[in-house]
Amino acid sequence: MELPEREAMDFDVVIVGAGPAGLAAAIQLKQLATEAGTEVSVVVVEKGSEVGAHILSGAVIDPSGLDRLLPEWRQDPDRPLKTEVVKDEFMFLGPAGGVSLPNIAFPKLMSNHGNFVGSLSNVTKYLGRKAEELGVEIYPGFPAAEILYDDAGAVVGVATGDLGIARSGEARDDFTRGMELRAKYTVFGEGARGSLTKKLIDRYRLNQHSDHQKYGLGVKELWQVKPEKFRPGLVQHSMGWPLPNKAGGGSWLYHFDDHLVSVGFVTHLNYENPTLSPFEEFQRFKTHPMIRDVFEGAKRIGYGARAIMEGGWQSVPKLVFPGGCLVGDSAGFVNVPRIKGSHNAVLSGMQAAGAIHEALVAGRAQDELTSYEEGWRASPIGYDLKRVRNVKPLWSKYGTLVGVGLGGLDMWLNELAGLSLFGTLSHGKPDYACTKPLKDVTPIKYPKPDGVLTFDRLSSVYLSNTNHEEDQPVHLQVKDMGLQKSSEHDVFGGPSARYCPAGVYEWIEEGGSPRYQINAQNCVHCKTCDIKDPNQNINWVTPEGPGGPNYVNM
């Protein structure tokens, strides 16, 4: 199909993704321009239907980033965080019971004292309002679908996706060409496994001197509980059951706002057994005798899932390239033991903005922002990540019981003496390569949901308010359907039907032959398929327009 030329708009800075990192960069750019008496034009494009629609996190939020970006936020009556942590509990669970571990056993960096419980989606909406007050243009519902380059190979902006293309590939009557947004510098803050970020990493070989990235899948529900079960400011974490020792992960329960409890489960995606289902493990977790009581008489009101970057210090790629940079979860700034990354996302956006403003004032454009690349490891971000750099590889290598103990020892030594017995460990194999063939494992059988405490995928996806235009090209691209049958199905037993938390993938028997069905309308944009497919045969790209979940208070 021959397409008309796109219209183009020019800005000083284009930011891809209205998450904490991208919005912090936009706000800081405007703040710096005001202080310097200069002008800077900034636009943010966001694939969600509104700012915050695709943002999901636990979340216990370290406010250090917000304090630096917006020092007055705590006095704002419309502030998004009002519940401060008052009690911090950590449990190790077995099949029938568990033990609460004393806080004194944990390094100070693991303490949640001074942190807030709340919705990261609401924090992002707050940042969006602040950005617009400063003159930032924000375009929700317009996913960046293509990177624009000049003849020298520098990034000069992005193009938003075309609208009104049928699944057949033909233009519908409502066809609208995407827009080119051109910039002196382009900031990518797409979150974990961004569809454009992975192209940039490959094109510029940004990861040639870093370890490969590691990931987890976080599955979350939001419940409104009975008053007698509600303990505002209570933060609980657990490890152990229901996961086997060699499969890493853990849970959270956070009490906040109006009798809300955020409950979720993270499964590290380097698990071996292809029949393991992170969604089902989460449902089982809620039935534990030390957990289930809080949900008695409660109502489930929200659901969602998303991938989390877990590689940390040694997996952060080079952050800059001609014409732009990576920020936030696109860079991999999550502190896995703390289960926190939004503070580093905000700080990274601010650091990138500082480097960009310096370049603009000097009259530069489309070059590498070397001061950002050279500065982050010596900044609070680097300090935060370096101390915990060996926890994830030790956990992966030795399992939960031994690995977490060794990781704790390493964190204590880093905190007390700035030392590590292990140096900087490698992560081993990428997550997709850890999956074993079906013949080499014992299949896991999961109980049926009861519809009261445990649920199926489809009723869960309904609570995420997920919607996609049905007549559009499928945004979950299987590169080789024959390989999917001969390997993903025949060798690994079809793990996509289990690792996907939204019921997108199914192997359906028809006339004695399996058929691969992709229910793209269900997709909550977690990106797990792009990460965990054992052959790297699934490519996640942005869908048309504002498709996807519409999270509320998540």
Protein backbone atom coordinates (compact mmCIF):
# COMPACT_ATOMS: atom_id res chain seq x y z
CA MET A 1 0.00 0.00 0.00
CA GLU A 2 1.50 3.33 -1.05
CA LEU A 3 1.22 5.85 1.78
CA PRO A 4 1.15 9.64 1.62
CA GLU A 5 3.98 11.60 3.18
CA ARG A 6 3.67 12.38 6.86
CA GLU A 7 3.32 15.88 8.19
CA ALA A 8 6.21 16.94 10.42
CA MET A 9 6.58 19.09 13.53
CA ASP A 10 9.87 20.34 14.95
CA PHE A 11 10.80 20.52 18.65
CA ASP A 12 13.94 20.93 20.66
CA VAL A 13 13.22 17.68 22.54
CA VAL A 14 10.90 14.76 21.86
CA ILE A 15 10.24 12.35 24.74
CA VAL A 16 8.84 8.87 24.11
CA GLY A 17 6.79 7.64 27.06
CA ALA A 18 4.88 9.62 29.71
CA GLY A 19 6.21 7.58 32.61
CA PRO A 20 8.05 8.95 35.67
CA ALA A 21 11.36 9.22 33.78
CA GLY A 22 10.02 10.90 30.65
CA LEU A 23 7.86 13.38 32.55
CA ALA A 24 10.68 14.18 34.98
CA ALA A 25 12.91 14.95 32.00
CA ALA A 26 10.23 17.22 30.53
CA ILE A 27 9.66 19.06 33.82
CA GLN A 28 13.36 19.50 34.50
CA LEU A 29 14.00 20.84 30.98
CA LYS A 30 11.36 23.51 31.48
CA GLN A 31 12.69 24.33 34.96
CA LEU A 32 16.26 24.72 33.68
CA ALA A 33 15.12 26.85 30.76
CA THR A 34 13.21 29.16 33.12
CA GLU A 35 16.24 29.51 35.41
CA ALA A 36 18.50 30.30 32.44
CA GLY A 37 16.02 32.63 30.76
CA THR A 38 15.93 30.45 27.66
CA GLU A 39 13.19 28.74 25.69
CA VAL A 40 12.97 25.00 25.05
CA SER A 41 10.14 23.25 23.23
CA VAL A 42 9.30 19.79 24.61
CA VAL A 43 6.73 17.24 23.46
CA VAL A 44 5.88 13.90 25.09
CA VAL A 45 4.15 11.09 23.18
CA GLU A 46 2.42 8.35 25.14
CA LYS A 47 0.83 5.15 23.83
CA GLY A 48 -1.74 4.94 26.64
CA SER A 49 -5.14 6.57 26.22
CA GLU A 50 -4.16 9.03 28.95
CA VAL A 51 -1.14 9.71 31.10
CA GLY A 52 -0.88 6.87 33.63
CA ALA A 53 -3.16 4.46 31.76
CA HIS A 54 -0.33 1.96 31.18
CA ILE A 55 1.58 2.57 34.44
CA LEU A 56 1.57 -0.26 36.97
CA SER A 57 3.74 -0.82 40.01
CA GLY A 58 3.44 -2.15 43.59
CA ALA A 59 4.08 0.53 44.82
CA VAL A 60 6.16 1.57 47.78
CA ILE A 61 7.77 4.74 46.51
CA ASP A 62 11.08 6.21 47.61
CA PRO A 63 10.31 9.97 47.46
CA SER A 64 13.92 11.07 46.91
CA GLY A 65 13.35 11.66 43.19
CA LEU A 66 10.15 13.64 43.72
CA ASP A 67 11.81 15.69 46.47
CA ARG A 68 14.52 16.81 44.05
CA LEU A 69 12.22 17.43 41.11
CA LEU A 70 9.32 19.12 42.91
CA PRO A 71 10.43 20.10 46.43
CA GLU A 72 6.99 21.51 47.24
CA TRP A 73 5.03 18.34 46.40
CA ARG A 74 4.50 17.29 50.05
CA GLN A 75 2.56 20.51 50.76
CA ASP A 76 0.34 20.13 47.68
CA PRO A 77 -3.26 19.22 48.69
CA ASP A 78 -3.51 17.31 45.38
CA ARG A 79 -0.34 15.29 46.03
CA PRO A 80 -0.65 11.67 44.85
CA LEU A 81 1.09 10.10 47.87
CA LYS A 82 -0.52 10.47 51.29
CA THR A 83 0.07 7.14 53.05
CA GLU A 84 3.50 6.88 54.67
CA VAL A 85 4.94 3.48 55.58
CA VAL A 86 4.40 2.81 59.30
CA LYS A 87 5.27 -0.89 59.52
CA ASP A 88 7.59 -3.06 57.44
CA GLU A 89 7.26 -6.88 57.61
CA PHE A 90 9.15 -9.61 55.78
CA MET A 91 8.04 -13.24 55.70
CA PHE A 92 9.44 -16.51 54.45
CA LEU A 93 6.58 -18.84 53.50
CA GLY A 94 6.31 -22.60 53.41
CA PRO A 95 3.35 -24.64 52.11
CA ALA A 96 1.43 -24.54 55.40
CA GLY A 97 3.01 -21.75 57.42
CA GLY A 98 5.84 -19.32 57.57
CA VAL A 99 8.06 -17.15 59.69
CA SER A 100 8.38 -13.38 60.00
CA LEU A 101 11.99 -12.27 59.76
CA PRO A 102 13.29 -9.53 62.10
CA ASN A 103 13.95 -6.17 60.44
CA ILE A 104 17.28 -5.94 62.24
CA ALA A 105 18.56 -8.74 60.00
CA PHE A 106 18.23 -6.57 56.91
CA PRO A 107 20.67 -3.86 55.77
CA LYS A 108 19.47 -0.29 56.26
CA LEU A 109 19.03 0.16 52.50
CA MET A 110 16.18 -2.36 52.64
CA SER A 111 14.21 -0.29 55.15
CA ASN A 112 11.03 1.40 53.94
CA HIS A 113 11.13 4.07 56.64
CA GLY A 114 10.27 7.42 55.03
CA ASN A 115 8.74 5.84 51.94
CA PHE A 116 5.14 6.15 50.75
CA VAL A 117 2.53 3.61 49.65
CA GLY A 118 0.39 4.56 46.69
CA SER A 119 -0.38 4.29 43.00
CA LEU A 120 2.45 4.96 40.55
CA SER A 121 -0.22 5.55 37.91
CA ASN A 122 -1.55 8.44 40.00
CA VAL A 123 1.98 9.77 40.59
CA THR A 124 2.47 9.81 36.84
CA LYS A 125 -0.80 11.66 36.27
CA TYR A 126 0.34 14.24 38.83
CA LEU A 127 3.66 14.68 37.00
CA GLY A 128 1.76 15.03 33.73
CA ARG A 129 -0.28 17.91 35.14
CA LYS A 130 2.86 19.61 36.44
CA ALA A 131 4.55 19.22 33.06
CA GLU A 132 1.62 20.76 31.19
CA GLU A 133 1.54 23.69 33.63
CA LEU A 134 5.13 24.39 32.56
CA GLY A 135 4.25 24.34 28.87
CA VAL A 136 5.09 20.77 27.92
CA GLU A 137 2.93 19.35 25.13
CA ILE A 138 1.69 15.82 25.90
CA TYR A 139 -0.01 13.64 23.28
CA PRO A 140 -1.57 10.51 24.84
CA GLY A 141 -2.95 7.83 22.54
CA PHE A 142 -0.17 8.31 19.98
CA PRO A 143 2.37 5.48 20.23
CA ALA A 144 5.79 6.16 18.75
CA ALA A 145 6.10 3.44 16.11
CA GLU A 146 9.23 4.37 14.16
CA ILE A 147 12.61 5.98 14.82
CA LEU A 148 13.72 8.67 12.39
CA TYR A 149 17.40 8.93 11.38
CA ASP A 150 19.39 11.41 9.34
CA ASP A 151 21.89 10.50 6.62
CA ALA A 152 24.70 10.32 9.18
CA GLY A 153 22.79 7.75 11.27
CA ALA A 154 21.78 10.06 14.12
CA VAL A 155 18.31 9.91 15.66
CA VAL A 156 16.30 12.98 14.63
CA GLY A 157 12.94 12.08 16.17
CA VAL A 158 10.13 9.57 15.92
CA ALA A 159 6.98 8.96 13.91
CA THR A 160 3.68 8.05 15.49
CA GLY A 161 1.80 5.06 14.13
CA ASP A 162 -0.68 5.21 11.30
CA LEU A 163 -4.36 4.89 12.25
CA GLY A 164 -7.11 3.11 10.35
CA ILE A 165 -5.24 0.16 8.83
CA ALA A 166 -7.25 -3.05 8.66
CA ARG A 167 -5.91 -6.43 9.72
CA SER A 168 -5.58 -7.23 6.02
CA GLY A 169 -3.08 -4.38 5.69
CA GLU A 170 -5.41 -2.22 3.63
CA ALA A 171 -6.38 1.33 4.60
CA ARG A 172 -9.85 1.71 6.05
CA ASP A 173 -12.10 4.70 5.44
CA ASP A 174 -10.86 6.29 8.68
CA PHE A 175 -7.16 5.99 7.72
CA THR A 176 -4.92 8.74 9.11
CA ARG A 177 -1.20 8.97 8.47
CA GLY A 178 1.10 9.20 11.48
CA MET A 179 3.00 12.37 12.34
CA GLU A 180 6.77 12.96 12.29
CA LEU A 181 8.02 14.61 15.46
CA ARG A 182 11.52 15.87 14.79
CA ALA A 183 13.95 16.98 17.48
CA LYS A 184 17.48 18.03 18.30
CA TYR A 185 17.43 15.30 20.97
CA THR A 186 15.04 12.38 21.54
CA VAL A 187 14.59 10.76 24.94
CA PHE A 188 13.32 7.17 25.16
CA GLY A 189 11.47 6.26 28.36
CA GLU A 190 9.31 3.37 27.15
CA GLY A 191 9.70 1.17 30.23
CA ALA A 192 10.85 -2.45 30.23
CA ARG A 193 11.60 -4.00 26.83
CA GLY A 194 10.48 -0.97 24.84
CA SER A 195 9.77 -1.74 21.19
CA LEU A 196 11.92 1.16 19.95
CA THR A 197 14.52 0.89 22.70
CA LYS A 198 15.46 -2.66 21.71
CA LYS A 199 16.03 -1.44 18.14
CA LEU A 200 18.31 1.34 19.38
CA ILE A 201 20.28 -1.11 21.52
CA ASP A 202 20.81 -3.37 18.50
CA ARG A 203 21.59 -0.60 16.02
CA TYR A 204 24.16 1.19 18.18
CA ARG A 205 25.36 -1.94 20.02
CA LEU A 206 24.64 -0.20 23.30
CA ASN A 207 24.91 -3.46 25.27
CA GLN A 208 28.23 -4.68 23.86
CA HIS A 209 30.06 -3.90 27.13
CA SER A 210 27.25 -4.83 29.56
CA ASP A 211 25.75 -8.09 30.76
CA HIS A 212 22.50 -9.15 29.13
CA GLN A 213 19.31 -7.85 30.72
CA LYS A 214 17.25 -9.92 33.17
CA TYR A 215 13.53 -9.62 33.76
CA GLY A 216 10.70 -10.46 36.13
CA LEU A 217 6.96 -10.49 35.58
CA GLY A 218 4.90 -8.61 38.15
CA VAL A 219 1.21 -9.56 38.41
CA LYS A 220 -0.94 -7.29 40.57
CA GLU A 221 -4.46 -7.00 41.93
CA LEU A 222 -6.09 -4.12 43.78
CA TRP A 223 -8.60 -4.97 46.50
CA GLN A 224 -10.88 -2.89 48.70
CA VAL A 225 -10.89 -4.61 52.09
CA LYS A 226 -13.14 -4.48 55.13
CA PRO A 227 -12.28 -1.76 57.70
CA GLU A 228 -11.25 -4.31 60.33
CA LYS A 229 -8.73 -5.83 57.89
CA PHE A 230 -7.21 -2.51 56.85
CA ARG A 231 -3.90 -1.35 58.35
CA PRO A 232 -2.86 1.88 56.59
CA GLY A 233 0.86 2.10 55.93
CA LEU A 234 1.52 -1.64 56.44
CA VAL A 235 4.06 -3.04 53.99
CA GLN A 236 4.56 -6.82 53.75
CA HIS A 237 6.91 -8.80 51.52
CA SER A 238 7.47 -12.53 51.26
CA MET A 239 9.63 -15.13 49.56
CA GLY A 240 9.38 -18.90 49.27
CA TRP A 241 6.09 -20.74 48.66
CA PRO A 242 4.49 -21.24 46.20
CA LEU A 243 7.61 -21.04 44.00
CA PRO A 244 10.12 -23.89 44.08
CA ASN A 245 13.59 -23.06 45.41
CA LYS A 246 15.13 -22.75 41.93
CA ALA A 247 12.47 -20.31 40.69
CA GLY A 248 13.03 -16.83 42.09
CA GLY A 249 10.41 -14.31 43.04
CA GLY A 250 8.29 -12.95 45.85
CA SER A 251 5.17 -11.10 46.90
CA TRP A 252 3.93 -7.81 48.29
CA LEU A 253 0.89 -6.56 50.19
CA TYR A 254 0.55 -2.80 50.72
CA HIS A 255 -2.26 -1.02 52.61
CA PHE A 256 -3.00 2.54 51.48
CA ASP A 257 -5.59 5.28 50.78
CA ASP A 258 -9.28 4.34 51.15
CA HIS A 259 -9.12 0.75 52.47
CA LEU A 260 -7.10 -0.33 49.43
CA VAL A 261 -4.68 -3.25 49.45
CA SER A 262 -2.24 -3.72 46.60
CA VAL A 263 -1.27 -7.38 46.33
CA GLY A 264 1.12 -8.77 43.79
CA PHE A 265 3.67 -11.37 42.90
CA VAL A 266 6.91 -11.12 40.92
CA THR A 267 8.28 -14.21 39.16
CA HIS A 268 11.80 -14.00 37.81
CA LEU A 269 11.66 -14.99 34.15
CA ASN A 270 14.74 -17.21 34.28
CA TYR A 271 12.61 -20.09 35.59
CA GLU A 272 13.25 -23.48 33.93
CA ASN A 273 9.94 -25.35 33.94
CA PRO A 274 7.86 -24.40 30.86
CA THR A 275 4.65 -25.45 32.62
CA LEU A 276 5.12 -22.86 35.38
CA SER A 277 2.56 -20.05 35.20
CA PRO A 278 3.37 -16.76 36.99
CA PHE A 279 -0.35 -15.89 36.98
CA GLU A 280 -1.31 -19.19 38.62
CA GLU A 281 1.52 -18.92 41.16
CA PHE A 282 0.13 -15.54 42.17
CA GLN A 283 -3.38 -16.99 42.57
CA ARG A 284 -1.99 -19.81 44.73
CA PHE A 285 -0.03 -17.34 46.88
CA LYS A 286 -3.24 -15.61 48.00
CA THR A 287 -4.52 -18.88 49.49
CA HIS A 288 -1.65 -19.15 52.00
CA PRO A 289 -2.90 -19.23 55.63
CA MET A 290 -0.75 -16.19 56.53
CA ILE A 291 -2.17 -14.20 53.59
CA ARG A 292 -5.76 -15.12 52.79
CA ASP A 293 -7.39 -13.63 55.91
CA VAL A 294 -6.94 -10.01 54.72
CA PHE A 295 -9.20 -10.72 51.71
CA GLU A 296 -12.15 -12.06 53.71
CA GLY A 297 -15.20 -10.09 52.60
CA ALA A 298 -13.07 -7.91 50.31
CA LYS A 299 -13.73 -6.88 46.71
CA ARG A 300 -11.23 -7.19 43.86
CA ILE A 301 -11.35 -3.97 41.82
CA GLY A 302 -8.20 -3.95 39.67
CA TYR A 303 -5.78 -6.22 37.81
CA GLY A 304 -2.68 -5.79 35.68
CA ALA A 305 0.76 -7.12 34.81
CA ARG A 306 4.04 -5.84 33.46
CA ALA A 307 7.63 -6.90 32.98
CA ILE A 308 10.32 -5.51 35.28
CA MET A 309 14.00 -4.97 34.44
CA GLU A 310 16.10 -6.93 36.94
CA GLY A 311 19.66 -6.88 35.56
CA GLY A 312 20.74 -3.87 37.56
CA TRP A 313 24.24 -2.35 37.66
CA GLN A 314 26.02 -4.78 35.34
CA SER A 315 23.20 -4.88 32.75
CA VAL A 316 22.71 -1.15 32.18
CA PRO A 317 23.61 -0.52 28.52
CA LYS A 318 25.33 2.55 27.17
CA LEU A 319 22.65 5.20 27.61
CA VAL A 320 23.53 7.62 24.81
CA PHE A 321 23.76 7.55 21.03
CA PRO A 322 23.83 10.26 18.36
CA GLY A 323 20.70 12.31 18.91
CA GLY A 324 19.28 10.82 22.09
CA CYS A 325 19.37 8.76 25.26
CA LEU A 326 17.60 6.15 27.39
CA VAL A 327 16.02 6.90 30.78
CA GLY A 328 14.17 5.04 33.54
CA ASP A 329 13.20 1.43 33.03
CA SER A 330 14.36 1.61 29.40
CA ALA A 331 17.83 1.97 30.92
CA GLY A 332 17.25 -0.71 33.57
CA PHE A 333 17.44 1.36 36.77
CA VAL A 334 15.31 -0.91 39.02
CA ASN A 335 16.78 -1.89 42.38
CA VAL A 336 15.55 -5.51 42.58
CA PRO A 337 16.05 -6.26 46.32
CA ARG A 338 14.26 -3.02 47.23
CA ILE A 339 11.57 -3.62 44.54
CA LYS A 340 11.87 0.03 43.61
CA GLY A 341 12.75 1.95 40.49
CA SER A 342 10.53 5.03 40.23
CA HIS A 343 12.94 7.19 42.26
CA ASN A 344 15.79 6.26 39.93
CA ALA A 345 13.53 6.83 36.93
CA VAL A 346 12.84 10.41 38.05
CA LEU A 347 16.52 11.03 38.82
CA SER A 348 17.61 9.66 35.44
CA GLY A 349 15.12 11.91 33.64
CA MET A 350 16.52 14.88 35.53
CA GLN A 351 20.11 13.94 34.72
CA ALA A 352 19.29 13.48 31.03
CA ALA A 353 17.50 16.86 31.02
CA GLY A 354 20.58 18.53 32.51
CA ALA A 355 22.80 17.13 29.77
CA ILE A 356 20.31 18.09 27.05
CA HIS A 357 19.86 21.64 28.31
CA GLU A 358 23.63 22.08 28.47
CA ALA A 359 23.88 20.89 24.86
CA LEU A 360 21.06 23.13 23.63
CA VAL A 361 22.58 26.21 25.28
CA ALA A 362 25.86 25.39 23.55
CA GLY A 363 24.06 25.20 20.20
CA ARG A 364 24.58 21.47 19.78
CA ALA A 365 22.16 18.94 18.24
CA GLN A 366 22.04 15.22 17.39
CA ASP A 367 25.35 14.40 19.09
CA GLU A 368 26.05 12.12 22.08
CA LEU A 369 25.15 13.41 25.53
CA THR A 370 28.39 12.22 27.08
CA SER A 371 27.92 14.00 30.41
CA TYR A 372 24.80 11.92 31.08
CA GLU A 373 26.56 8.67 30.22
CA GLU A 374 29.65 9.53 32.26
CA GLY A 375 27.78 10.80 35.28
CA TRP A 376 25.12 8.27 36.24
CA ARG A 377 27.36 5.68 37.93
CA ALA A 378 28.74 8.31 40.32
CA SER A 379 25.25 9.66 41.01
CA PRO A 380 22.65 8.48 43.58
CA ILE A 381 21.40 6.06 40.89
CA GLY A 382 24.77 4.35 40.66
CA TYR A 383 25.16 4.28 44.43
CA ASP A 384 21.72 2.69 44.75
CA LEU A 385 22.37 -0.04 42.18
CA LYS A 386 26.01 -0.89 42.88
CA ARG A 387 25.43 -1.98 46.47
CA VAL A 388 22.88 -4.63 45.41
CA ARG A 389 24.49 -5.77 42.15
CA ASN A 390 25.14 -9.36 43.23
CA VAL A 391 21.78 -10.19 44.84
CA LYS A 392 20.04 -11.25 41.61
CA PRO A 393 22.93 -13.38 40.19
CA LEU A 394 23.44 -15.11 43.55
CA TRP A 395 19.71 -15.83 43.78
CA SER A 396 19.70 -17.22 40.24
CA LYS A 397 22.77 -19.40 40.78
CA TYR A 398 22.08 -20.84 44.23
CA GLY A 399 18.30 -20.69 44.56
CA THR A 400 16.18 -18.80 47.08
CA LEU A 401 17.42 -20.27 50.36
CA VAL A 402 21.18 -20.01 49.82
CA GLY A 403 21.21 -17.24 47.20
CA VAL A 404 19.20 -14.73 49.21
CA GLY A 405 21.35 -15.40 52.27
CA LEU A 406 24.54 -14.76 50.31
CA GLY A 407 22.98 -11.69 48.73
CA GLY A 408 22.11 -10.34 52.17
CA LEU A 409 25.69 -10.87 53.34
CA ASP A 410 26.97 -9.04 50.26
CA MET A 411 24.62 -6.10 50.89
CA TRP A 412 25.79 -5.87 54.53
CA LEU A 413 29.44 -5.80 53.45
CA ASN A 414 28.70 -3.15 50.83
CA GLU A 415 26.82 -1.05 53.37
CA LEU A 416 29.33 -1.33 56.21
CA ALA A 417 32.63 -1.37 54.35
CA GLY A 418 31.95 -0.66 50.69
CA LEU A 419 33.27 -4.13 49.89
CA SER A 420 32.03 -7.25 48.13
CA LEU A 421 33.31 -10.82 48.43
CA PHE A 422 32.09 -11.49 44.91
CA GLY A 423 33.22 -8.49 42.88
CA THR A 424 30.57 -8.04 40.21
CA LEU A 425 28.93 -11.30 39.20
CA SER A 426 27.52 -12.13 35.77
CA HIS A 427 23.88 -13.14 35.33
CA GLY A 428 24.53 -16.30 33.32
CA LYS A 429 22.12 -17.15 30.52
CA PRO A 430 19.40 -14.83 29.21
CA ASP A 431 15.94 -15.65 30.54
CA TYR A 432 14.58 -17.25 27.36
CA ALA A 433 17.55 -19.65 27.24
CA CYS A 434 16.82 -20.95 30.75
CA THR A 435 13.61 -22.73 29.70
CA LYS A 436 13.95 -26.53 29.61
CA PRO A 437 12.21 -28.86 27.14
CA LEU A 438 8.95 -30.31 28.41
CA LYS A 439 10.43 -33.83 28.52
CA ASP A 440 12.99 -32.72 31.12
CA VAL A 441 10.57 -31.39 33.74
CA THR A 442 7.69 -32.50 35.92
CA PRO A 443 4.54 -30.67 34.74
CA ILE A 444 2.89 -28.42 37.31
CA LYS A 445 -0.84 -28.89 37.93
CA TYR A 446 -2.76 -25.86 39.20
CA PRO A 447 -6.15 -25.89 40.98
CA LYS A 448 -9.20 -24.36 39.38
CA PRO A 449 -10.07 -20.82 40.54
CA ASP A 450 -12.85 -20.44 43.09
CA GLY A 451 -14.04 -17.02 41.82
CA VAL A 452 -13.81 -15.58 45.34
CA LEU A 453 -10.10 -15.44 46.18
CA THR A 454 -8.60 -16.96 43.04
CA PHE A 455 -9.59 -16.13 39.48
CA ASP A 456 -9.06 -16.96 35.82
CA ARG A 457 -7.22 -14.78 33.31
CA LEU A 458 -10.20 -13.50 31.35
CA SER A 459 -12.12 -12.18 34.36
CA SER A 460 -8.86 -10.57 35.49
CA VAL A 461 -8.19 -8.88 32.15
CA TYR A 462 -11.73 -7.46 32.30
CA LEU A 463 -10.69 -5.50 35.42
CA SER A 464 -7.71 -4.00 33.58
CA ASN A 465 -10.09 -2.17 31.20
CA THR A 466 -8.06 -3.46 28.26
CA ASN A 467 -9.32 -2.66 24.81
CA HIS A 468 -7.90 -2.79 21.28
CA GLU A 469 -9.48 -1.99 17.94
CA GLU A 470 -10.20 -5.48 16.55
CA ASP A 471 -9.71 -4.68 12.87
CA GLN A 472 -6.03 -3.71 13.00
CA PRO A 473 -2.76 -5.50 12.26
CA VAL A 474 -1.84 -7.88 15.10
CA HIS A 475 0.82 -6.21 17.25
CA LEU A 476 2.18 -9.58 18.45
CA GLN A 477 4.26 -10.69 15.50
CA VAL A 478 5.28 -14.34 15.22
CA LYS A 479 8.31 -14.32 12.94
CA ASP A 480 8.16 -18.00 11.91
CA MET A 481 4.90 -19.86 12.59
CA GLY A 482 6.49 -23.16 11.61
CA LEU A 483 9.13 -22.73 14.31
CA GLN A 484 6.42 -21.92 16.83
CA LYS A 485 4.81 -25.31 16.14
CA SER A 486 7.98 -27.40 15.86
CA SER A 487 9.74 -25.90 18.89
CA GLU A 488 7.55 -23.76 21.17
CA HIS A 489 4.76 -26.34 21.02
CA ASP A 490 6.43 -29.67 20.25
CA VAL A 491 9.60 -29.23 22.32
CA PHE A 492 8.62 -26.85 25.12
CA GLY A 493 4.94 -27.71 25.46
CA GLY A 494 3.54 -24.29 24.52
CA PRO A 495 4.76 -22.14 27.44
CA SER A 496 3.28 -18.95 25.94
CA ALA A 497 -0.17 -20.12 27.06
CA ARG A 498 1.21 -20.19 30.63
CA TYR A 499 3.61 -17.26 30.93
CA CYS A 500 1.16 -14.77 29.40
CA PRO A 501 -0.93 -13.27 32.25
CA ALA A 502 -3.73 -12.19 29.92
CA GLY A 503 -4.78 -15.28 27.96
CA VAL A 504 -3.39 -13.94 24.68
CA TYR A 505 -1.85 -17.20 23.44
CA GLU A 506 -3.61 -20.54 22.99
CA TRP A 507 -2.78 -23.85 21.31
CA ILE A 508 -6.13 -25.21 20.09
CA GLU A 509 -6.50 -28.78 18.85
CA GLU A 510 -8.38 -28.93 15.56
CA GLY A 511 -8.74 -32.23 13.71
CA GLY A 512 -5.81 -33.72 15.58
CA SER A 513 -3.49 -30.80 14.78
CA PRO A 514 -2.65 -27.86 17.08
CA ARG A 515 -3.43 -24.35 15.86
CA TYR A 516 -1.80 -21.27 17.39
CA GLN A 517 -4.34 -18.61 18.28
CA ILE A 518 -3.37 -15.07 19.29
CA ASN A 519 -6.06 -13.12 21.16
CA ALA A 520 -4.36 -9.76 20.72
CA GLN A 521 -7.34 -7.86 22.14
CA ASN A 522 -6.47 -9.24 25.59
CA CYS A 523 -2.89 -7.92 25.65
CA VAL A 524 -2.02 -5.83 28.73
CA HIS A 525 1.34 -4.79 27.21
CA CYS A 526 3.48 -6.64 29.77
CA LYS A 527 5.99 -7.70 27.02
CA THR A 528 6.62 -11.12 28.62
CA CYS A 529 6.19 -12.93 25.28
CA ASP A 530 8.92 -10.78 23.73
CA ILE A 531 11.22 -11.75 26.62
CA LYS A 532 10.45 -15.39 27.46
CA ASP A 533 9.68 -17.06 24.12
CA PRO A 534 12.39 -19.78 24.00
CA ASN A 535 13.26 -19.04 20.36
CA GLN A 536 12.85 -15.24 20.51
CA ASN A 537 10.24 -15.76 17.81
CA ILE A 538 7.65 -13.23 19.06
CA ASN A 539 8.13 -9.53 18.42
CA TRP A 540 5.96 -7.10 20.43
CA VAL A 541 5.26 -3.84 18.58
CA THR A 542 2.95 -0.97 19.43
CA PRO A 543 -0.71 -1.48 18.50
CA GLU A 544 -2.80 1.15 16.79
CA GLY A 545 -3.73 4.26 18.72
CA PRO A 546 -4.58 4.17 22.43
CA GLY A 547 -5.04 0.39 22.69
CA GLY A 548 -4.17 -1.54 25.83
CA PRO A 549 -5.08 -1.38 29.50
CA ASN A 550 -6.57 1.63 31.25
CA TYR A 551 -5.36 1.25 34.81
CA VAL A 552 -7.06 3.04 37.70
CA ASN A 553 -5.18 3.49 41.01
CA MET A 554 -2.58 0.96 39.87
